[in-house]
Amino acid sequence: MMRSLAVLALFSLTSLAPIHAAEPPRLAVFDLEMVDTSLQDQTRGLRADDRDRLQRTSDQLRKELGESGKFQVVDISPVNAAAHQSNLQACGGCDVKLAQQLDADLEITGVVQKISNLILNIRLYLREAHTGRLLAAVNADMRGDTDESWSRTTRYLVHERLLAPNYGAPQARQ
């Protein structure tokens, strides 16, 4: 049901303006956050290698979505400190307000849930920046807490979910 709503919502965005006369929608991709429910790490806080992987994964998302030509990825640095001071998954729409400050049309937040060093999950949420309406929620499990597993899972989510034809990523900005 959620997937069909996301397809419909993204399809409606593609029909807002002629493709040849407009630029791609402006997309704010916020840095991913981590929820660590593993027994060994949840009391110690975020490890340095997890912090580095979160940053590399966030950068990979921005790079691959920007290179697709379907989005104009905006610089989040003007609001990055405020974003890092909030839990973007539970702040009551602060992510939308931050995206609006960047004049973004769309925004992505995400979370990596670490269940153990073997089992992790990445979830990404695509929202319309003017209304906060959820357009797509995609996720994938990964096995192994390694740079390679994080990178491959991110690539899969971008190319097989967010950019997949059945999701109908927005093509143009009015």
Protein backbone atom coordinates (compact mmCIF):
# COMPACT_ATOMS: atom_id res chain seq x y z
CA MET A 1 0.00 0.00 0.00
CA MET A 2 2.77 2.45 1.00
CA ARG A 3 4.70 1.67 -2.18
CA SER A 4 1.70 2.34 -4.41
CA LEU A 5 1.11 5.66 -2.62
CA ALA A 6 4.76 6.59 -3.12
CA VAL A 7 4.55 5.76 -6.83
CA LEU A 8 1.38 7.82 -7.19
CA ALA A 9 2.85 10.76 -5.26
CA LEU A 10 6.08 10.76 -7.25
CA PHE A 11 4.17 10.39 -10.51
CA SER A 12 2.06 13.43 -9.64
CA LEU A 13 5.23 15.46 -9.06
CA THR A 14 6.53 14.54 -12.51
CA SER A 15 3.48 16.02 -14.16
CA LEU A 16 3.84 19.44 -12.51
CA ALA A 17 5.90 20.97 -15.31
CA PRO A 18 7.13 20.07 -18.76
CA ILE A 19 10.43 18.21 -18.52
CA HIS A 20 12.12 20.22 -21.26
CA ALA A 21 11.33 23.59 -19.65
CA ALA A 22 12.32 22.97 -16.06
CA GLU A 23 15.23 21.93 -13.92
CA PRO A 24 15.29 18.87 -11.68
CA PRO A 25 13.73 19.24 -8.23
CA ARG A 26 16.02 20.58 -5.53
CA LEU A 27 16.82 17.81 -3.04
CA ALA A 28 18.25 18.18 0.46
CA VAL A 29 19.92 14.96 1.64
CA PHE A 30 20.55 15.14 5.37
CA ASP A 31 23.26 13.12 7.07
CA LEU A 32 22.09 9.70 8.20
CA GLU A 33 21.53 9.03 11.88
CA MET A 34 22.17 5.83 13.82
CA VAL A 35 20.06 3.87 16.26
CA ASP A 36 22.28 1.35 17.98
CA THR A 37 20.34 -1.43 19.67
CA SER A 38 23.27 -3.83 19.77
CA LEU A 39 24.05 -5.00 23.27
CA GLN A 40 27.74 -4.31 23.00
CA ASP A 41 27.59 -0.70 21.81
CA GLN A 42 24.35 0.92 22.92
CA THR A 43 25.75 2.14 26.24
CA ARG A 44 29.06 3.42 24.83
CA GLY A 45 27.69 5.81 22.25
CA LEU A 46 28.58 6.15 18.59
CA ARG A 47 31.92 4.59 17.66
CA ALA A 48 34.38 6.45 15.44
CA ASP A 49 34.08 3.87 12.63
CA ASP A 50 30.27 4.14 12.72
CA ARG A 51 30.49 7.95 12.61
CA ASP A 52 32.83 7.72 9.60
CA ARG A 53 30.54 5.24 7.80
CA LEU A 54 27.50 7.43 8.43
CA GLN A 55 29.30 10.38 6.84
CA ARG A 56 30.58 8.37 3.86
CA THR A 57 27.12 6.88 3.31
CA SER A 58 25.47 10.31 3.45
CA ASP A 59 28.04 11.64 0.96
CA GLN A 60 27.46 8.60 -1.28
CA LEU A 61 23.70 9.26 -1.28
CA ARG A 62 24.20 12.88 -2.30
CA LYS A 63 26.73 11.96 -4.99
CA GLU A 64 24.74 9.15 -6.61
CA LEU A 65 21.42 11.01 -6.50
CA GLY A 66 23.05 14.13 -7.95
CA GLU A 67 24.80 12.18 -10.70
CA SER A 68 21.49 10.61 -11.73
CA GLY A 69 20.38 13.94 -13.22
CA LYS A 70 16.93 13.49 -11.64
CA PHE A 71 17.72 15.81 -8.74
CA GLN A 72 19.64 18.97 -8.05
CA VAL A 73 21.25 18.13 -4.69
CA VAL A 74 21.50 21.24 -2.50
CA ASP A 75 24.27 22.09 -0.07
CA ILE A 76 23.06 21.36 3.48
CA SER A 77 25.95 23.15 5.22
CA PRO A 78 23.86 26.24 6.18
CA VAL A 79 21.59 24.04 8.35
CA ASN A 80 23.86 21.07 9.06
CA ALA A 81 24.67 22.07 12.65
CA ALA A 82 20.97 22.44 13.47
CA ALA A 83 20.23 19.09 11.80
CA HIS A 84 22.89 17.36 13.90
CA GLN A 85 21.44 18.86 17.09
CA SER A 86 18.06 17.25 16.35
CA ASN A 87 16.83 13.72 15.96
CA LEU A 88 15.43 14.21 12.46
CA GLN A 89 13.29 11.07 12.77
CA ALA A 90 11.46 12.33 15.87
CA CYS A 91 11.64 16.13 15.90
CA GLY A 92 8.10 16.83 14.74
CA GLY A 93 8.96 18.11 11.27
CA CYS A 94 12.16 20.03 11.93
CA ASP A 95 13.66 18.26 8.89
CA VAL A 96 10.99 19.83 6.70
CA LYS A 97 11.67 23.29 8.14
CA LEU A 98 15.39 22.87 7.55
CA ALA A 99 14.76 21.75 3.95
CA GLN A 100 12.54 24.81 3.42
CA GLN A 101 15.37 27.06 4.63
CA LEU A 102 17.46 25.55 1.82
CA ASP A 103 14.70 26.20 -0.74
CA ALA A 104 14.51 22.45 -1.41
CA ASP A 105 11.57 20.80 -3.14
CA LEU A 106 12.29 17.38 -1.63
CA GLU A 107 14.31 16.08 1.29
CA ILE A 108 15.76 12.78 2.43
CA THR A 109 16.45 11.70 5.96
CA GLY A 110 17.63 8.29 7.00
CA VAL A 111 18.63 6.04 9.81
CA VAL A 112 20.93 3.09 10.18
CA GLN A 113 19.77 0.66 12.81
CA LYS A 114 22.56 -1.46 14.21
CA ILE A 115 21.14 -4.61 15.74
CA SER A 116 24.56 -6.25 16.03
CA ASN A 117 27.89 -6.24 14.19
CA LEU A 118 26.32 -8.75 11.83
CA ILE A 119 22.81 -7.34 11.29
CA LEU A 120 22.10 -3.74 10.27
CA ASN A 121 19.33 -1.93 8.39
CA ILE A 122 19.29 1.32 6.40
CA ARG A 123 15.99 3.21 6.06
CA LEU A 124 15.56 6.30 3.88
CA TYR A 125 12.57 8.65 3.85
CA LEU A 126 11.81 10.95 0.91
CA ARG A 127 9.48 13.83 1.76
CA GLU A 128 7.99 16.77 -0.07
CA ALA A 129 9.72 19.76 1.51
CA HIS A 130 6.79 22.17 1.32
CA THR A 131 4.22 19.94 3.00
CA GLY A 132 6.25 17.25 4.77
CA ARG A 133 4.24 14.58 2.97
CA LEU A 134 6.04 11.24 2.89
CA LEU A 135 6.59 10.23 -0.74
CA ALA A 136 8.69 7.10 -0.28
CA ALA A 137 10.16 5.00 2.49
CA VAL A 138 12.77 2.46 1.42
CA ASN A 139 14.91 0.12 3.47
CA ALA A 140 17.33 -2.73 3.17
CA ASP A 141 19.02 -5.08 5.59
CA MET A 142 22.72 -5.68 5.39
CA ARG A 143 24.93 -8.36 6.82
CA GLY A 144 28.25 -7.31 8.20
CA ASP A 145 29.34 -3.97 9.64
CA THR A 146 31.90 -3.17 6.94
CA ASP A 147 32.55 -0.30 4.56
CA GLU A 148 31.69 -2.58 1.65
CA SER A 149 28.33 -3.69 3.06
CA TRP A 150 27.29 -0.11 3.82
CA SER A 151 28.32 1.07 0.34
CA ARG A 152 26.60 -1.78 -1.51
CA THR A 153 23.40 -1.37 0.50
CA THR A 154 23.36 2.36 -0.17
CA ARG A 155 23.93 1.81 -3.90
CA TYR A 156 21.08 -0.73 -3.93
CA LEU A 157 18.68 1.68 -2.20
CA VAL A 158 19.55 4.51 -4.60
CA HIS A 159 19.47 2.60 -7.88
CA GLU A 160 16.94 -0.15 -7.20
CA ARG A 161 14.52 1.82 -5.04
CA LEU A 162 14.77 5.61 -5.18
CA LEU A 163 15.72 5.85 -8.87
CA ALA A 164 13.85 2.77 -10.07
CA PRO A 165 11.30 3.47 -12.82
CA ASN A 166 8.46 2.11 -10.69
CA TYR A 167 9.11 4.87 -8.16
CA GLY A 168 8.98 7.51 -10.90
CA ALA A 169 11.48 9.94 -9.37
CA PRO A 170 10.44 13.56 -9.99
CA GLN A 171 11.84 14.92 -13.22
CA ALA A 172 11.33 18.66 -13.18
CA ARG A 173 10.91 21.73 -11.01
CA GLN A 174 8.45 24.47 -11.88
